[in-house]
Every structure is written in structure tokens, then in C-alpha cells.
């Protein structure tokens, strides 16, 4: 009987210890949803040198859903329409957009660059897509907040 009680007690201690020491899997943040541009950064290769806020009614929205991306911007100071549509994929630290269709101004860009690759910093309600130069230095970032 003492052995049985000792065995039960030992099992209880082991189970309790495992429960306290096992780490729960970290939930991965998702870029799926609707995002609004908050501001942009310029870099000197490593550090932020300038923050460019949205001014005078400028608004840019991006939507990610089931591997598709769509974005549009409105600027009262610029009558040029800007929007684009295509596919996207992410890894832990990269965002890749392959645009298929866009406004007239964007189609001129798509003619020369179909795939846009960014360094990705993603949290639950914010994300930044950072453009890197050929040497891997940061040049420019767009910073977004989740709106849906």
C-alpha cells in the first residue's frame, strides 16, 4: 500500500512539474486582414533617418486574404490613381508580393518589377514592410496598423 501511495505521489509530482515547465506553443501572428498605412521611414542603411507621416488626407489601405493582396491609396495632392492586386506569401521575416494587375501608373511599375520583396516585421496589430538594397541595407519602410 505504501508503494502504491508513493507511486501515485511521484506521478503527481512529475505531471505537475511537466505542466509548469512545458511551454505553450507561441501563436504565430498573421498578416491576413486589413491594414492602414501609419507612416513611412527612410533609412541610412541601418538606422531610421526620417519619419514621413501621412498628411493632408493621404490614405493607403492593404488587404491580405487567402494568398491574395490588394492595395489602394488616396492622396488629395496627387490625382494619379494607385492600386494593385496580386498574390502574396510570407515567411517569418519576409513578405513577397507578386502583382498581376493595377492602375495605369502601377502597371508601368509592374512591367519592370513583378515581384516585390520586403523584410517583414509583424506583430498582432502592426507590421512594417522594409525595402532592402542590393547589399541588404534598409532603405525605406511602410508601417501599418491593423484596422480589421
Protein backbone atom coordinates (compact mmCIF):
# COMPACT_ATOMS: atom_id res chain seq x y z
CA UNK A 1 0.00 0.00 0.00
CA UNK A 2 2.89 2.37 0.85
CA UNK A 3 4.43 1.61 -2.55
CA UNK A 4 1.15 2.42 -4.31
CA UNK A 5 0.75 5.72 -2.43
CA UNK A 6 4.40 6.59 -3.11
CA UNK A 7 3.97 5.78 -6.82
CA UNK A 8 0.81 7.89 -7.07
CA UNK A 9 2.56 10.76 -5.26
CA UNK A 10 5.58 10.51 -7.56
CA UNK A 11 3.35 10.51 -10.67
CA UNK A 12 1.51 13.57 -9.33
CA UNK A 13 4.82 15.44 -8.85
CA UNK A 14 6.05 14.50 -12.35
CA UNK A 15 2.81 15.52 -14.02
CA UNK A 16 2.73 18.82 -12.09
CA UNK A 17 6.35 19.58 -12.95
CA UNK A 18 5.77 18.84 -16.62
CA UNK A 19 2.72 21.09 -16.63
CA UNK A 20 4.65 24.02 -15.17
CA UNK A 21 7.79 23.61 -17.27
CA UNK A 22 6.30 22.85 -20.66
CA UNK A 23 5.97 25.95 -22.74
CA UNK A 24 2.83 26.52 -24.71
CA UNK A 25 3.41 26.89 -28.42
CA UNK A 26 3.69 30.52 -29.40
CA UNK A 27 0.85 31.56 -31.65
CA UNK A 28 2.09 32.94 -34.91
CA UNK A 29 0.80 36.34 -35.97
CA UNK A 30 -0.93 36.53 -39.31
CA UNK A 31 -0.86 39.25 -41.90
CA UNK A 32 -4.36 38.25 -43.03
CA UNK A 33 -6.68 41.22 -42.63
CA UNK A 34 -7.00 44.90 -43.49
CA UNK A 35 -4.22 47.36 -42.72
CA UNK A 36 -3.82 51.14 -42.92
CA UNK A 37 -0.52 52.91 -43.55
CA UNK A 38 0.51 54.94 -40.49
CA UNK A 39 3.82 56.40 -41.70
CA UNK A 40 6.98 55.68 -43.66
CA UNK A 41 10.65 55.57 -42.66
CA UNK A 42 13.77 56.44 -44.61
CA UNK A 43 16.96 54.61 -43.57
CA UNK A 44 20.67 55.30 -43.93
CA UNK A 45 21.19 51.56 -44.42
CA UNK A 46 20.69 50.66 -40.77
CA UNK A 47 19.05 53.46 -38.80
CA UNK A 48 15.88 55.47 -39.39
CA UNK A 49 16.85 58.92 -40.67
CA UNK A 50 13.41 60.34 -41.34
CA UNK A 51 9.78 59.59 -40.48
CA UNK A 52 7.22 60.62 -43.07
CA UNK A 53 3.73 60.91 -41.57
CA UNK A 54 0.54 60.76 -43.59
CA UNK A 55 -0.63 64.33 -44.14
CA UNK A 56 -3.44 66.24 -45.78
CA UNK A 57 -5.85 63.31 -46.12
CA UNK A 58 -3.36 60.79 -47.55
CA UNK A 59 -4.65 57.27 -47.01
CA UNK A 60 -3.32 53.86 -48.06
CA UNK A 61 -5.06 50.56 -47.32
CA UNK A 62 -3.82 46.98 -47.86
CA UNK A 63 -5.87 43.81 -47.64
CA UNK A 64 -4.44 40.30 -47.35
CA UNK A 65 -6.72 37.27 -47.69
CA UNK A 66 -6.03 33.64 -48.62
CA UNK A 67 -2.82 34.39 -50.51
CA UNK A 68 -4.21 37.45 -52.31
CA UNK A 69 -3.22 41.06 -51.73
CA UNK A 70 -4.96 44.24 -52.81
CA UNK A 71 -3.97 47.79 -52.01
CA UNK A 72 -5.11 51.29 -52.84
CA UNK A 73 -4.09 54.78 -51.93
CA UNK A 74 -5.76 58.17 -51.96
CA UNK A 75 -3.85 61.42 -51.97
CA UNK A 76 -5.73 64.69 -52.43
CA UNK A 77 -2.44 66.26 -53.55
CA UNK A 78 -1.87 63.72 -56.35
CA UNK A 79 -4.65 62.96 -58.86
CA UNK A 80 -2.82 59.81 -60.07
CA UNK A 81 -4.67 56.63 -59.16
CA UNK A 82 -2.60 53.99 -57.41
CA UNK A 83 -3.86 50.48 -56.70
CA UNK A 84 -2.65 46.95 -57.22
CA UNK A 85 -3.76 43.35 -56.95
CA UNK A 86 -1.91 40.05 -56.86
CA UNK A 87 -0.62 37.22 -54.73
CA UNK A 88 1.45 37.26 -51.59
CA UNK A 89 3.32 34.90 -49.36
CA UNK A 90 5.10 35.38 -46.07
CA UNK A 91 7.76 33.66 -44.05
CA UNK A 92 8.75 34.57 -40.52
CA UNK A 93 10.66 37.64 -41.70
CA UNK A 94 9.78 38.17 -45.38
CA UNK A 95 6.84 39.41 -47.39
CA UNK A 96 6.71 38.77 -51.12
CA UNK A 97 4.05 40.35 -53.32
CA UNK A 98 3.58 39.31 -56.95
CA UNK A 99 1.33 41.89 -58.53
CA UNK A 100 -0.79 40.92 -61.53
CA UNK A 101 -2.94 43.96 -62.11
CA UNK A 102 -3.03 47.62 -61.12
CA UNK A 103 -3.85 51.17 -62.02
CA UNK A 104 -2.25 52.68 -65.11
CA UNK A 105 0.60 54.13 -63.03
CA UNK A 106 1.09 50.81 -61.22
CA UNK A 107 1.03 48.76 -64.44
CA UNK A 108 4.07 50.77 -65.59
CA UNK A 109 5.86 49.65 -62.42
CA UNK A 110 4.64 46.05 -62.78
CA UNK A 111 6.11 45.99 -66.31
CA UNK A 112 9.58 46.35 -64.79
CA UNK A 113 9.12 44.72 -61.36
CA UNK A 114 6.58 41.94 -60.94
CA UNK A 115 7.75 40.57 -57.58
CA UNK A 116 8.27 42.91 -54.63
CA UNK A 117 10.26 41.50 -51.72
CA UNK A 118 10.35 43.08 -48.27
CA UNK A 119 11.79 42.38 -44.86
CA UNK A 120 8.76 41.79 -42.64
CA UNK A 121 8.29 42.82 -39.02
CA UNK A 122 4.86 41.52 -37.96
CA UNK A 123 3.08 41.85 -34.63
CA UNK A 124 -0.55 41.22 -33.79
CA UNK A 125 -1.75 44.70 -34.76
CA UNK A 126 1.17 46.30 -36.61
CA UNK A 127 3.52 45.41 -39.38
CA UNK A 128 6.36 47.01 -41.34
CA UNK A 129 7.50 46.11 -44.82
CA UNK A 130 11.09 47.21 -45.32
CA UNK A 131 12.76 47.61 -48.69
CA UNK A 132 16.38 46.48 -48.87
CA UNK A 133 19.01 47.47 -51.42
CA UNK A 134 21.22 45.00 -53.33
CA UNK A 135 23.61 44.76 -50.36
CA UNK A 136 20.78 44.04 -47.89
CA UNK A 137 20.76 47.53 -46.34
CA UNK A 138 17.45 49.03 -45.26
CA UNK A 139 16.32 51.92 -47.48
CA UNK A 140 12.61 52.52 -46.90
CA UNK A 141 9.76 51.16 -44.78
CA UNK A 142 5.99 51.37 -44.80
CA UNK A 143 4.44 50.96 -41.33
CA UNK A 144 0.87 49.73 -40.99
CA UNK A 145 -1.72 49.21 -38.27
CA UNK A 146 -4.47 46.60 -38.38
CA UNK A 147 -7.94 48.05 -38.92
CA UNK A 148 -9.76 44.71 -39.33
